[in-house]
Every structure is written in structure tokens, then in C-alpha cells.
Amino acid sequence: MLEGLPPNNAAHVMRLVCDEASARAIVDIVVETFDPAETAAAAFEQDPNAASWDAGPWTVEVWFADAPDEELVRELVAVAAGPDAAQKLAFDRVAQRDWVAASLEGLAPVRAGRFLVHGSHDRGHVKSNDIGLEIEAALAFGTGHHGTTRGCLLMLDAILKRRRPRSILDVGAGTGVLALAAARALRQPVAAGDIYPIAVDAARANARLNGAGPWVRPVVARGVRHPALAGRAPYDLIFANILARPLRLLAPSICALASSDADIVLSGLLARDVPGVLSAYAAQGFALTRRGELDGWSALLIRRQGASARPAR
């Protein structure tokens, strides 16, 4: 799993060898705490022949654009994985390098129903009935390895088994994985936006790489405030894979763009965030119809109240 925007001048790194559960917990708390434009985190399984194999099967690496507050990082790691892990952290300076590509070399393809998210080195794993989504390593913040992205892909796979949405919006699109998946599956345009220009550039590049350039043309937007997004409403499928607080704040504007029978997929949520987010959307007339849990993260499918049966998990 690799999450966070790649710092253009990443020159500081923190490393830790540990077990898988600790590695994932550390990445999650880093993603929650630091500015994603300045910090990125990766957790990956080690080569069993590596010299440090006896210390743990997974490695965590966190890259910083500027020198980190080491005491703060240790405190966060202690919360996520315990004080012993915090004491084993190693901080270092690194030379400018293609650190994202290096991190992705060992990542396996990620399957979510018929979607397969992969790097260029795994093109051979895409089967004839798969919808392959290739994410260029140099642009890979938000690769599908994180529970939030994969959870949304699984929701999309379930939605496509019962309907074919006509108008689709991806709010906070990141690298465009969700927009790209919908466009590839339905072969139609998908509106997408993100607050970070570097993310929008990445999403455009990924759309071209996957032959979906004509369908996915993301824009730089704060929430849904852009004519290319608001002007194409109403939408009958909306993705918003961001974080709890912006999801709550954006509830009125997102729901205002939804059609009467819209599916809205929300993620970027820890379990403790779910009640508050559902309350914000209930105030707009939406109720939970399906919930998924992956790696401690929740993905929610909501519809207008009375539009469907009781929630499924």
C-alpha cells in the first residue's frame, strides 16, 4: 500500500521493519496526520531473503519534503504500534530519486471484483475478462492498495451488477482510479476533480495511459465548485473518497448534485467517523444501504431515504 502525494523534493525518510498489522496501522495514522502534499507513506512486504527478515516481514517507509519532527513521529508510531516500535524508528536523509517507483516494485496487483489495479510490471496478470487499471509508478499516490480505494472499487463492482449509471462524478479524485474504473467499465465520460493540481495532472496522465483520455478530464476544484462538475449535474453515481471532516462539510453540495435515484459512495472513513458522516447525509435525505470494511476503513453506499431496502454489509 502506498498513500500520499509525492513530495517533489523528498529528502528525508523514516523506516521501520515490523509485522504487517503494525505497518498498516502506522501508514494509516501518518496519512491521517500529515499534509498529503508534503508526506507519503508506504508499507510493503519484505523479500524473505533480506538480511533483516528476522526483525519482521514488512517494512514501513515515510518520506518527508522537510525534516520531520522526530519526537512527534515517534509519538504517532507509539499510538499506532506501541512504544517498542517507536524506539526502533530510523531517520535518514536520502538522495533525490524515483522513490515512488522503488516503493511500488514489490507491490502485487490489487483485485476488486472484476477490476485489477496494477503497475506496468504486472500487465501480464490482467486476464481477458478483467478491467485492468494501470497506475504509472511515478504518479502513484492512491494506488488501489489502500482499503479506502479498494472498498470503493468493490462498491462500484456491486453497483454495476444491478444498474448502469448514466452520469458519474468523482470528488477528490486523486490519481483518478475510481473515475478511470467507471469510465473503463461503462465507456462513457466521468466528471472528476481534486483540490491538488499535482493530483489532477496524475489523473490526466493515468487516463491517457489507460486509453480513457476522452472520458476522464479532471479539473482542479475545491469540492464540487467548478463549472465542469456542477454544470453536468444531476449525477446518478457520485464517489467521494476523501476524509471525514470534508465529507461532512460537503454533504449539502454533493447531495445537491445527486439525481433522485443516485448512488453515493463515501470513503476515507475510520469506523469511529461513520456515525457523524451518516448523520450529515441523513440531514440531506440520504440513508445507508450498504457498508464495507477493509483494513479498518469503511466504505458507505447511501441513497435517498425510501429508495432501497435496509442496509447490507
Protein backbone atom coordinates (compact mmCIF):
# COMPACT_ATOMS: atom_id res chain seq x y z
CA MET A 1 0.00 0.00 0.00
CA LEU A 2 1.24 3.48 -0.82
CA GLU A 3 -0.60 6.63 0.15
CA GLY A 4 0.04 10.36 -0.01
CA LEU A 5 1.10 12.90 -2.61
CA PRO A 6 4.74 12.53 -3.64
CA PRO A 7 6.85 15.42 -2.28
CA ASN A 8 8.72 16.83 -5.26
CA ASN A 9 11.83 17.32 -3.15
CA ALA A 10 11.53 14.37 -0.74
CA ALA A 11 14.87 14.24 1.04
CA HIS A 12 14.01 12.73 4.44
CA VAL A 13 12.83 9.22 5.20
CA MET A 14 11.74 7.23 8.24
CA ARG A 15 11.99 3.42 8.14
CA LEU A 16 10.80 0.60 10.36
CA VAL A 17 10.76 -3.19 9.96
CA CYS A 18 7.77 -4.74 11.75
CA ASP A 19 4.78 -7.04 11.40
CA GLU A 20 2.03 -6.41 8.82
CA ALA A 21 -0.61 -5.13 11.27
CA SER A 22 1.79 -2.57 12.73
CA ALA A 23 2.94 -1.49 9.26
CA ARG A 24 -0.61 -0.84 8.09
CA ALA A 25 -1.56 0.98 11.30
CA ILE A 26 1.48 3.27 11.02
CA VAL A 27 0.73 4.16 7.40
CA ASP A 28 -2.89 4.91 8.28
CA ILE A 29 -2.02 7.28 11.12
CA VAL A 30 0.61 9.06 9.00
CA VAL A 31 -1.91 9.58 6.20
CA GLU A 32 -4.42 10.98 8.71
CA THR A 33 -1.95 13.31 10.41
CA PHE A 34 0.34 14.90 7.83
CA ASP A 35 -0.29 17.15 4.84
CA PRO A 36 -0.53 14.76 1.87
CA ALA A 37 1.23 17.29 -0.34
CA GLU A 38 4.33 17.07 1.84
CA THR A 39 4.40 13.47 3.10
CA ALA A 40 3.91 9.99 1.64
CA ALA A 41 3.90 6.59 3.34
CA ALA A 42 4.38 3.05 2.08
CA ALA A 43 4.15 -0.38 3.68
CA PHE A 44 5.35 -3.39 1.76
CA GLU A 45 6.30 -6.99 2.33
CA GLN A 46 10.00 -7.74 2.50
CA ASP A 47 11.98 -10.15 0.41
CA PRO A 48 12.25 -13.29 2.59
CA ASN A 49 15.95 -13.46 1.66
CA ALA A 50 16.62 -9.99 3.05
CA ALA A 51 19.14 -9.71 5.86
CA SER A 52 16.60 -8.09 8.21
CA TRP A 53 13.92 -10.75 7.70
CA ASP A 54 14.17 -11.89 11.33
CA ALA A 55 13.05 -8.44 12.53
CA GLY A 56 9.67 -8.65 10.77
CA PRO A 57 8.16 -9.44 7.37
CA TRP A 58 7.09 -5.87 6.49
CA THR A 59 8.84 -2.53 6.03
CA VAL A 60 7.33 0.92 6.55
CA GLU A 61 8.84 3.95 4.82
CA VAL A 62 7.61 7.51 5.24
CA TRP A 63 9.03 10.28 3.05
CA PHE A 64 9.04 13.95 4.04
CA ALA A 65 9.65 17.04 1.94
CA ASP A 66 11.15 18.78 5.00
CA ALA A 67 12.96 17.47 8.07
CA PRO A 68 10.26 15.84 10.26
CA ASP A 69 9.63 16.43 13.94
CA GLU A 70 11.10 13.10 15.05
CA GLU A 71 9.56 13.25 18.51
CA LEU A 72 6.09 13.77 17.03
CA VAL A 73 6.58 10.89 14.59
CA ARG A 74 7.67 8.61 17.45
CA GLU A 75 4.59 9.58 19.44
CA LEU A 76 2.32 8.75 16.49
CA VAL A 77 4.02 5.40 15.90
CA ALA A 78 3.69 4.59 19.61
CA VAL A 79 -0.05 5.20 19.37
CA ALA A 80 -0.37 3.04 16.24
CA ALA A 81 2.02 0.20 17.02
CA GLY A 82 3.30 0.55 20.57
CA PRO A 83 6.33 2.13 22.30
CA ASP A 84 8.74 -0.63 21.22
CA ALA A 85 8.10 0.15 17.56
CA ALA A 86 8.56 3.86 18.22
CA GLN A 87 12.02 3.26 19.65
CA LYS A 88 13.11 1.27 16.59
CA LEU A 89 12.43 4.04 14.06
CA ALA A 90 15.34 5.03 11.85
CA PHE A 91 15.50 8.51 10.33
CA ASP A 92 17.76 9.36 7.43
CA ARG A 93 18.37 11.76 4.57
CA VAL A 94 18.07 10.37 1.07
CA ALA A 95 19.31 11.49 -2.29
CA GLN A 96 16.81 12.67 -4.90
CA ARG A 97 15.48 9.52 -6.57
CA ASP A 98 12.45 7.89 -8.09
CA TRP A 99 11.31 6.85 -4.63
CA VAL A 100 7.73 6.08 -5.70
CA ALA A 101 8.83 3.61 -8.36
CA ALA A 102 11.18 1.98 -5.88
CA SER A 103 8.35 1.55 -3.39
CA LEU A 104 6.00 0.02 -5.95
CA GLU A 105 8.41 -2.57 -7.28
CA GLY A 106 7.26 -5.15 -4.75
CA LEU A 107 3.54 -4.33 -4.81
CA ALA A 108 1.26 -7.06 -6.10
CA PRO A 109 -1.78 -6.27 -8.29
CA VAL A 110 -4.93 -5.41 -6.33
CA ARG A 111 -8.19 -7.10 -7.28
CA ALA A 112 -11.63 -5.63 -6.52
CA GLY A 113 -14.24 -7.72 -8.28
CA ARG A 114 -13.51 -7.53 -11.98
CA PHE A 115 -11.18 -4.54 -11.52
CA LEU A 116 -7.43 -5.18 -11.31
CA VAL A 117 -5.19 -2.27 -10.32
CA HIS A 118 -1.58 -2.94 -11.32
CA GLY A 119 1.75 -1.41 -12.25
CA SER A 120 3.41 -1.68 -15.63
CA HIS A 121 5.48 -4.61 -14.35
CA ASP A 122 2.28 -6.64 -13.82
CA ARG A 123 0.49 -6.16 -17.14
CA GLY A 124 0.73 -9.89 -17.70
CA HIS A 125 -1.60 -10.55 -14.75
CA VAL A 126 -4.59 -8.88 -16.45
CA LYS A 127 -6.98 -11.56 -17.73
CA SER A 128 -9.26 -11.22 -20.72
CA ASN A 129 -12.36 -10.59 -18.58
CA ASP A 130 -10.62 -8.16 -16.19
CA ILE A 131 -10.86 -4.39 -16.33
CA GLY A 132 -7.20 -3.55 -15.88
CA LEU A 133 -6.26 -0.19 -14.38
CA GLU A 134 -2.57 0.57 -14.80
CA ILE A 135 -1.20 3.23 -12.46
CA GLU A 136 2.09 4.73 -13.53
CA ALA A 137 4.62 4.33 -10.70
CA ALA A 138 5.96 7.86 -10.91
CA LEU A 139 2.44 9.16 -10.31
CA ALA A 140 1.21 6.61 -7.82
CA PHE A 141 -0.28 8.29 -4.81
CA GLY A 142 -3.51 6.41 -4.32
CA THR A 143 -2.73 3.08 -5.99
CA GLY A 144 -5.71 0.97 -5.00
CA HIS A 145 -3.72 -0.82 -2.29
CA HIS A 146 -5.32 1.30 0.42
CA GLY A 147 -8.54 -0.03 1.96
CA THR A 148 -10.46 3.13 1.03
CA THR A 149 -9.79 2.92 -2.71
CA ARG A 150 -10.31 -0.83 -2.90
CA GLY A 151 -13.50 -0.52 -0.87
CA CYS A 152 -14.89 2.00 -3.37
CA LEU A 153 -13.95 -0.25 -6.29
CA LEU A 154 -15.82 -3.12 -4.67
CA MET A 155 -18.85 -0.85 -4.24
CA LEU A 156 -18.64 0.11 -7.91
CA ASP A 157 -18.44 -3.55 -8.90
CA ALA A 158 -21.60 -4.27 -6.87
CA ILE A 159 -23.45 -1.27 -8.34
CA LEU A 160 -22.63 -2.33 -11.90
CA LYS A 161 -24.23 -5.71 -11.27
CA ARG A 162 -27.64 -4.06 -10.82
CA ARG A 163 -27.53 -0.89 -12.94
CA ARG A 164 -25.56 1.15 -15.47
CA PRO A 165 -25.16 4.72 -14.18
CA ARG A 166 -25.56 7.39 -16.85
CA SER A 167 -23.80 10.35 -15.22
CA ILE A 168 -20.86 9.94 -12.83
CA LEU A 169 -18.82 12.27 -10.61
CA ASP A 170 -15.61 11.60 -8.66
CA VAL A 171 -14.99 14.21 -5.92
CA GLY A 172 -11.39 14.30 -4.66
CA ALA A 173 -10.30 12.02 -7.48
CA GLY A 174 -6.59 11.75 -6.58
CA THR A 175 -4.91 9.70 -9.30
CA GLY A 176 -8.30 9.07 -10.83
CA VAL A 177 -8.53 5.35 -10.05
CA LEU A 178 -12.29 5.45 -9.37
CA ALA A 179 -13.13 7.75 -12.27
CA LEU A 180 -10.98 5.61 -14.54
CA ALA A 181 -12.64 2.39 -13.35
CA ALA A 182 -16.12 3.77 -14.04
CA ALA A 183 -15.14 5.16 -17.42
CA ARG A 184 -13.49 1.92 -18.50
CA ALA A 185 -16.44 -0.20 -17.32
CA LEU A 186 -19.16 1.99 -18.85
CA ARG A 187 -17.23 3.53 -21.75
CA GLN A 188 -18.62 6.99 -21.08
CA PRO A 189 -17.43 10.34 -19.69
CA VAL A 190 -16.85 10.72 -15.95
CA ALA A 191 -16.54 14.14 -14.28
CA ALA A 192 -13.66 14.36 -11.81
CA GLY A 193 -11.96 16.98 -9.68
CA ASP A 194 -9.33 17.33 -6.98
CA ILE A 195 -8.03 20.22 -4.91
CA TYR A 196 -4.37 19.39 -5.71
CA PRO A 197 -3.07 20.34 -9.18
CA ILE A 198 -0.45 17.57 -8.99
CA ALA A 199 -3.23 15.03 -8.43
CA VAL A 200 -5.17 16.35 -11.42
CA ASP A 201 -2.06 16.08 -13.60
CA ALA A 202 -1.60 12.49 -12.41
CA ALA A 203 -5.23 11.60 -13.12
CA ARG A 204 -4.98 13.02 -16.64
CA ALA A 205 -1.80 11.05 -17.28
CA ASN A 206 -3.37 7.85 -15.95
CA ALA A 207 -6.43 8.39 -18.14
CA ARG A 208 -4.21 8.67 -21.22
CA LEU A 209 -2.16 5.66 -20.14
CA ASN A 210 -5.32 3.55 -19.90
CA GLY A 211 -6.90 4.76 -23.12
CA ALA A 212 -9.56 6.77 -21.29
CA GLY A 213 -8.33 10.29 -22.07
CA PRO A 214 -11.53 11.27 -23.92
CA TRP A 215 -13.71 10.12 -20.99
CA VAL A 216 -11.80 11.39 -17.93
CA ARG A 217 -10.73 15.05 -17.98
CA PRO A 218 -10.28 16.07 -14.34
CA VAL A 219 -10.18 19.67 -13.17
CA VAL A 220 -8.69 21.46 -10.17
CA ALA A 221 -11.63 22.10 -7.87
CA ARG A 222 -12.36 22.67 -4.19
CA GLY A 223 -15.14 20.19 -3.54
CA VAL A 224 -17.61 20.49 -6.42
CA ARG A 225 -17.06 24.19 -7.05
CA HIS A 226 -16.23 24.11 -10.75
CA PRO A 227 -18.49 24.56 -13.80
CA ALA A 228 -17.17 21.31 -15.29
CA LEU A 229 -18.53 19.46 -12.22
CA ALA A 230 -21.64 21.38 -11.14
CA GLY A 231 -22.69 22.07 -14.71
CA ARG A 232 -23.07 18.38 -15.57
CA ALA A 233 -25.47 17.56 -12.71
CA PRO A 234 -27.58 15.70 -11.83
CA TYR A 235 -25.40 12.62 -11.25
CA ASP A 236 -26.72 9.15 -10.57
CA LEU A 237 -23.36 7.91 -9.22
CA ILE A 238 -21.04 10.02 -7.07
CA PHE A 239 -17.76 8.97 -5.44
CA ALA A 240 -16.22 10.95 -2.58
CA ASN A 241 -13.19 9.15 -1.18
CA ILE A 242 -11.68 11.87 0.98
CA LEU A 243 -11.75 12.28 4.79
CA ALA A 244 -14.48 12.51 7.41
CA ARG A 245 -14.45 16.27 8.04
CA PRO A 246 -14.61 17.35 4.37
CA LEU A 247 -17.22 14.66 3.72
CA ARG A 248 -19.42 16.20 6.41
CA LEU A 249 -18.86 19.75 5.17
CA LEU A 250 -19.52 18.80 1.55
CA ALA A 251 -22.72 16.87 2.29
CA PRO A 252 -25.11 19.66 1.13
CA SER A 253 -23.20 20.44 -2.08
CA ILE A 254 -22.65 16.77 -3.01
CA CYS A 255 -26.27 15.83 -2.39
CA ALA A 256 -27.47 18.86 -4.36
CA LEU A 257 -25.85 17.34 -7.47
CA ALA A 258 -27.40 13.89 -6.98
CA SER A 259 -30.32 12.63 -9.03
CA SER A 260 -33.43 11.24 -7.36
CA ASP A 261 -32.14 7.65 -7.66
CA ALA A 262 -28.43 8.37 -7.17
CA ASP A 263 -25.91 6.06 -5.56
CA ILE A 264 -23.32 7.95 -3.47
CA VAL A 265 -20.17 6.10 -2.38
CA LEU A 266 -18.29 7.64 0.56
CA SER A 267 -14.93 6.54 1.95
CA GLY A 268 -11.79 7.75 3.68
CA LEU A 269 -13.50 6.89 6.98
CA LEU A 270 -12.43 5.07 10.09
CA ALA A 271 -15.20 3.22 11.91
CA ARG A 272 -15.47 5.98 14.51
CA ASP A 273 -16.17 8.52 11.73
CA VAL A 274 -19.15 6.69 10.24
CA PRO A 275 -21.97 7.88 12.57
CA GLY A 276 -21.11 11.57 12.13
CA VAL A 277 -20.85 11.29 8.34
CA LEU A 278 -24.12 9.36 8.06
CA SER A 279 -25.80 12.00 10.21
CA ALA A 280 -24.63 14.76 7.86
CA TYR A 281 -26.05 12.95 4.82
CA ALA A 282 -29.25 11.93 6.63
CA ALA A 283 -29.91 15.66 7.04
CA GLN A 284 -29.86 15.82 3.22
CA GLY A 285 -32.33 12.94 2.90
CA PHE A 286 -29.86 10.06 2.32
CA ALA A 287 -29.61 6.75 4.20
CA LEU A 288 -27.13 3.88 4.34
CA THR A 289 -27.84 0.94 2.02
CA ARG A 290 -24.51 -0.90 2.11
CA ARG A 291 -21.33 -0.80 4.20
CA GLY A 292 -17.94 -2.38 3.59
CA GLU A 293 -14.89 -2.66 5.87
CA LEU A 294 -11.30 -3.16 4.70
CA ASP A 295 -8.13 -2.76 6.79
CA GLY A 296 -10.02 -0.71 9.38
CA TRP A 297 -11.50 1.68 6.79
CA SER A 298 -15.19 1.98 5.93
CA ALA A 299 -16.85 2.47 2.55
CA LEU A 300 -20.50 3.51 2.55
CA LEU A 301 -23.16 3.33 -0.15
CA ILE A 302 -26.02 5.74 0.51
CA ARG A 303 -29.25 6.50 -1.36
CA ARG A 304 -32.21 8.79 -0.84
CA GLN A 305 -34.33 7.54 2.04
CA GLY A 306 -37.02 5.14 0.90
CA ALA A 307 -35.11 4.30 -2.31
CA SER A 308 -33.92 0.88 -1.20
CA ALA A 309 -34.19 -1.86 1.39
CA ARG A 310 -32.39 -1.96 4.73
CA PRO A 311 -28.56 -1.73 4.72
CA ALA A 312 -26.44 -4.67 3.56
CA ARG A 313 -22.86 -5.36 4.59
